[in-house]
Amino acid sequence: MGALIDASVLVEIERGGLDLQTVLEAQGDLEVAISAVTASELLHGVHRATQGKRRMRREAFVEHLLGRLPVVPFDLLAARVHARLWAELAAKGTSVGERDLLIAATAVARGYAVATHDTRSFPRIPGVTLLAW
């Protein structure tokens, strides 16, 4: 099994609330990665930064993460899982953020958990194992 780290955890690391090395070492042999969707969320944050120094710091942090953590693509298997989960949630009248659903589907497709601080969206998605980091 492995874990996809959600952007909420990575933002906490960027803000200094968690230490990346400590978090990774605590996982032992657990394979840890991020989804391509999370990579996009992080890069979006870089592009939204308006102050030069802040943008440079954020970009350096994101590029460090992208160089250190494997990035898992959203592939056909994840698309199939996504479609099923989306339909299940719609049938219940439950909505979650689209990016969160893409991340969750990627995790479920690979048999991974989602490491997150998000206590709102991810717990509503069926079949997702959560790790609270």
C-alpha atoms as a PDB file:
ATOM      1  CA  MET A   1       0.000   0.000   0.000  1.00  0.00           C
ATOM      2  CA  GLY A   2       0.978   3.595  -0.444  1.00  0.00           C
ATOM      3  CA  ALA A   3      -0.314   7.073   0.234  1.00  0.00           C
ATOM      4  CA  LEU A   4      -1.059  10.079  -1.918  1.00  0.00           C
ATOM      5  CA  ILE A   5      -0.321  13.264  -0.034  1.00  0.00           C
ATOM      6  CA  ASP A   6      -3.043  15.874  -0.455  1.00  0.00           C
ATOM      7  CA  ALA A   7      -2.208  19.544  -0.948  1.00  0.00           C
ATOM      8  CA  SER A   8      -3.543  20.359   2.531  1.00  0.00           C
ATOM      9  CA  VAL A   9      -0.627  18.452   4.091  1.00  0.00           C
ATOM     10  CA  LEU A  10       1.900  19.980   1.704  1.00  0.00           C
ATOM     11  CA  VAL A  11       0.665  23.501   2.436  1.00  0.00           C
ATOM     12  CA  GLU A  12       1.082  22.756   6.154  1.00  0.00           C
ATOM     13  CA  ILE A  13       4.662  21.674   5.437  1.00  0.00           C
ATOM     14  CA  GLU A  14       5.275  24.867   3.444  1.00  0.00           C
ATOM     15  CA  ARG A  15       3.949  26.947   6.342  1.00  0.00           C
ATOM     16  CA  GLY A  16       6.276  25.171   8.785  1.00  0.00           C
ATOM     17  CA  GLY A  17       3.606  23.248  10.710  1.00  0.00           C
ATOM     18  CA  LEU A  18       5.084  19.910   9.608  1.00  0.00           C
ATOM     19  CA  ASP A  19       8.557  18.860   8.522  1.00  0.00           C
ATOM     20  CA  LEU A  20       8.675  16.956   5.232  1.00  0.00           C
ATOM     21  CA  GLN A  21      11.646  14.794   6.175  1.00  0.00           C
ATOM     22  CA  THR A  22      10.129  13.872   9.540  1.00  0.00           C
ATOM     23  CA  VAL A  23       6.783  13.028   7.939  1.00  0.00           C
ATOM     24  CA  LEU A  24       8.416  10.859   5.263  1.00  0.00           C
ATOM     25  CA  GLU A  25      10.664   9.038   7.735  1.00  0.00           C
ATOM     26  CA  ALA A  26       7.665   8.282   9.949  1.00  0.00           C
ATOM     27  CA  GLN A  27       6.042   6.369   7.081  1.00  0.00           C
ATOM     28  CA  GLY A  28       8.639   3.604   7.071  1.00  0.00           C
ATOM     29  CA  ASP A  29       8.228   1.466   3.949  1.00  0.00           C
ATOM     30  CA  LEU A  30       4.957   3.093   2.895  1.00  0.00           C
ATOM     31  CA  GLU A  31       5.236   4.343  -0.686  1.00  0.00           C
ATOM     32  CA  VAL A  32       4.453   8.052  -0.639  1.00  0.00           C
ATOM     33  CA  ALA A  33       3.578  10.119  -3.719  1.00  0.00           C
ATOM     34  CA  ILE A  34       1.377  12.957  -4.917  1.00  0.00           C
ATOM     35  CA  SER A  35      -1.210  12.887  -7.666  1.00  0.00           C
ATOM     36  CA  ALA A  36      -0.806  14.906 -10.844  1.00  0.00           C
ATOM     37  CA  VAL A  37      -3.889  16.816  -9.680  1.00  0.00           C
ATOM     38  CA  THR A  38      -2.116  17.821  -6.466  1.00  0.00           C
ATOM     39  CA  ALA A  39       0.913  18.872  -8.512  1.00  0.00           C
ATOM     40  CA  SER A  40      -1.410  21.122 -10.519  1.00  0.00           C
ATOM     41  CA  GLU A  41      -2.905  22.592  -7.325  1.00  0.00           C
ATOM     42  CA  LEU A  42       0.564  23.405  -6.011  1.00  0.00           C
ATOM     43  CA  LEU A  43       1.681  24.930  -9.302  1.00  0.00           C
ATOM     44  CA  HIS A  44      -1.530  26.960  -9.409  1.00  0.00           C
ATOM     45  CA  GLY A  45      -0.506  28.406  -6.049  1.00  0.00           C
ATOM     46  CA  VAL A  46       2.836  29.429  -7.533  1.00  0.00           C
ATOM     47  CA  HIS A  47       1.140  31.240 -10.405  1.00  0.00           C
ATOM     48  CA  ARG A  48      -1.271  32.995  -8.056  1.00  0.00           C
ATOM     49  CA  ALA A  49       1.465  34.383  -5.819  1.00  0.00           C
ATOM     50  CA  THR A  50       1.657  38.087  -6.547  1.00  0.00           C
ATOM     51  CA  GLN A  51       4.713  39.139  -4.592  1.00  0.00           C
ATOM     52  CA  GLY A  52       8.067  38.337  -6.212  1.00  0.00           C
ATOM     53  CA  LYS A  53       9.788  36.955  -3.108  1.00  0.00           C
ATOM     54  CA  ARG A  54       6.770  34.950  -2.053  1.00  0.00           C
ATOM     55  CA  ARG A  55       6.406  33.500  -5.525  1.00  0.00           C
ATOM     56  CA  MET A  56      10.092  32.567  -5.655  1.00  0.00           C
ATOM     57  CA  ARG A  57       9.911  30.848  -2.244  1.00  0.00           C
ATOM     58  CA  ARG A  58       6.729  29.015  -3.178  1.00  0.00           C
ATOM     59  CA  GLU A  59       8.103  27.959  -6.551  1.00  0.00           C
ATOM     60  CA  ALA A  60      11.311  26.672  -4.926  1.00  0.00           C
ATOM     61  CA  PHE A  61       9.256  24.709  -2.396  1.00  0.00           C
ATOM     62  CA  VAL A  62       6.965  23.208  -5.042  1.00  0.00           C
ATOM     63  CA  GLU A  63       9.836  22.304  -7.359  1.00  0.00           C
ATOM     64  CA  HIS A  64      11.621  20.663  -4.405  1.00  0.00           C
ATOM     65  CA  LEU A  65       8.511  18.560  -3.732  1.00  0.00           C
ATOM     66  CA  LEU A  66       8.107  17.654  -7.398  1.00  0.00           C
ATOM     67  CA  GLY A  67      11.730  16.552  -7.522  1.00  0.00           C
ATOM     68  CA  ARG A  68      11.445  14.515  -4.345  1.00  0.00           C
ATOM     69  CA  LEU A  69       8.043  12.847  -4.529  1.00  0.00           C
ATOM     70  CA  PRO A  70       6.781  10.617  -7.332  1.00  0.00           C
ATOM     71  CA  VAL A  71       3.832  12.094  -9.234  1.00  0.00           C
ATOM     72  CA  VAL A  72       1.058   9.615 -10.006  1.00  0.00           C
ATOM     73  CA  PRO A  73      -0.895  10.324 -13.213  1.00  0.00           C
ATOM     74  CA  PHE A  74      -4.648  10.301 -13.596  1.00  0.00           C
ATOM     75  CA  ASP A  75      -4.953   7.355 -15.980  1.00  0.00           C
ATOM     76  CA  LEU A  76      -7.754   5.256 -17.478  1.00  0.00           C
ATOM     77  CA  LEU A  77      -8.101   3.057 -14.389  1.00  0.00           C
ATOM     78  CA  ALA A  78      -8.414   6.163 -12.211  1.00  0.00           C
ATOM     79  CA  ALA A  79     -10.951   7.563 -14.715  1.00  0.00           C
ATOM     80  CA  ARG A  80     -13.062   4.430 -14.350  1.00  0.00           C
ATOM     81  CA  VAL A  81     -12.943   4.644 -10.555  1.00  0.00           C
ATOM     82  CA  HIS A  82     -13.678   8.383 -10.725  1.00  0.00           C
ATOM     83  CA  ALA A  83     -16.775   7.818 -12.881  1.00  0.00           C
ATOM     84  CA  ARG A  84     -18.089   5.167 -10.471  1.00  0.00           C
ATOM     85  CA  LEU A  85     -17.458   7.273  -7.362  1.00  0.00           C
ATOM     86  CA  TRP A  86     -18.947  10.359  -8.998  1.00  0.00           C
ATOM     87  CA  ALA A  87     -22.102   8.407  -9.908  1.00  0.00           C
ATOM     88  CA  GLU A  88     -22.384   6.957  -6.383  1.00  0.00           C
ATOM     89  CA  LEU A  89     -22.049  10.389  -4.806  1.00  0.00           C
ATOM     90  CA  ALA A  90     -24.540  11.933  -7.254  1.00  0.00           C
ATOM     91  CA  ALA A  91     -27.069   9.168  -6.497  1.00  0.00           C
ATOM     92  CA  LYS A  92     -26.827  10.079  -2.806  1.00  0.00           C
ATOM     93  CA  GLY A  93     -27.036  13.809  -3.516  1.00  0.00           C
ATOM     94  CA  THR A  94     -23.555  14.283  -2.081  1.00  0.00           C
ATOM     95  CA  SER A  95     -21.100  16.647  -3.671  1.00  0.00           C
ATOM     96  CA  VAL A  96     -17.365  16.974  -3.097  1.00  0.00           C
ATOM     97  CA  GLY A  97     -14.755  19.120  -4.733  1.00  0.00           C
ATOM     98  CA  GLU A  98     -13.914  17.891  -8.220  1.00  0.00           C
ATOM     99  CA  ARG A  99     -10.153  17.909  -7.622  1.00  0.00           C
ATOM    100  CA  ASP A 100     -10.600  16.031  -4.359  1.00  0.00           C
ATOM    101  CA  LEU A 101     -12.658  13.421  -6.194  1.00  0.00           C
ATOM    102  CA  LEU A 102      -9.943  13.070  -8.869  1.00  0.00           C
ATOM    103  CA  ILE A 103      -7.283  12.633  -6.169  1.00  0.00           C
ATOM    104  CA  ALA A 104      -9.428  10.117  -4.280  1.00  0.00           C
ATOM    105  CA  ALA A 105     -10.115   8.138  -7.462  1.00  0.00           C
ATOM    106  CA  THR A 106      -6.405   8.015  -8.236  1.00  0.00           C
ATOM    107  CA  ALA A 107      -5.715   6.716  -4.726  1.00  0.00           C
ATOM    108  CA  VAL A 108      -8.490   4.099  -4.827  1.00  0.00           C
ATOM    109  CA  ALA A 109      -7.383   2.911  -8.279  1.00  0.00           C
ATOM    110  CA  ARG A 110      -3.872   2.260  -6.958  1.00  0.00           C
ATOM    111  CA  GLY A 111      -4.928   0.855  -3.589  1.00  0.00           C
ATOM    112  CA  TYR A 112      -3.457   3.886  -1.813  1.00  0.00           C
ATOM    113  CA  ALA A 113      -4.675   5.933   1.113  1.00  0.00           C
ATOM    114  CA  VAL A 114      -5.001   9.722   1.010  1.00  0.00           C
ATOM    115  CA  ALA A 115      -2.915  11.632   3.554  1.00  0.00           C
ATOM    116  CA  THR A 116      -4.837  14.820   4.274  1.00  0.00           C
ATOM    117  CA  HIS A 117      -5.922  17.494   6.712  1.00  0.00           C
ATOM    118  CA  ASP A 118      -9.242  17.768   4.837  1.00  0.00           C
ATOM    119  CA  THR A 119     -11.962  16.535   7.168  1.00  0.00           C
ATOM    120  CA  ARG A 120     -14.752  17.802   4.911  1.00  0.00           C
ATOM    121  CA  SER A 121     -14.522  16.291   1.416  1.00  0.00           C
ATOM    122  CA  PHE A 122     -12.450  13.129   1.555  1.00  0.00           C
ATOM    123  CA  PRO A 123     -14.429  11.388   4.338  1.00  0.00           C
ATOM    124  CA  ARG A 124     -17.572  11.560   2.170  1.00  0.00           C
ATOM    125  CA  ILE A 125     -15.975   9.629  -0.690  1.00  0.00           C
ATOM    126  CA  PRO A 126     -16.725   5.887  -0.478  1.00  0.00           C
ATOM    127  CA  GLY A 127     -13.818   3.476  -0.468  1.00  0.00           C
ATOM    128  CA  VAL A 128     -11.124   6.014   0.397  1.00  0.00           C
ATOM    129  CA  THR A 129      -8.748   5.178   3.223  1.00  0.00           C
ATOM    130  CA  LEU A 130      -7.644   8.327   5.014  1.00  0.00           C
ATOM    131  CA  LEU A 131      -4.462   9.077   6.878  1.00  0.00           C
ATOM    132  CA  ALA A 132      -4.606  12.151   9.121  1.00  0.00           C
ATOM    133  CA  TRP A 133      -1.173  13.748   9.007  1.00  0.00           C
END
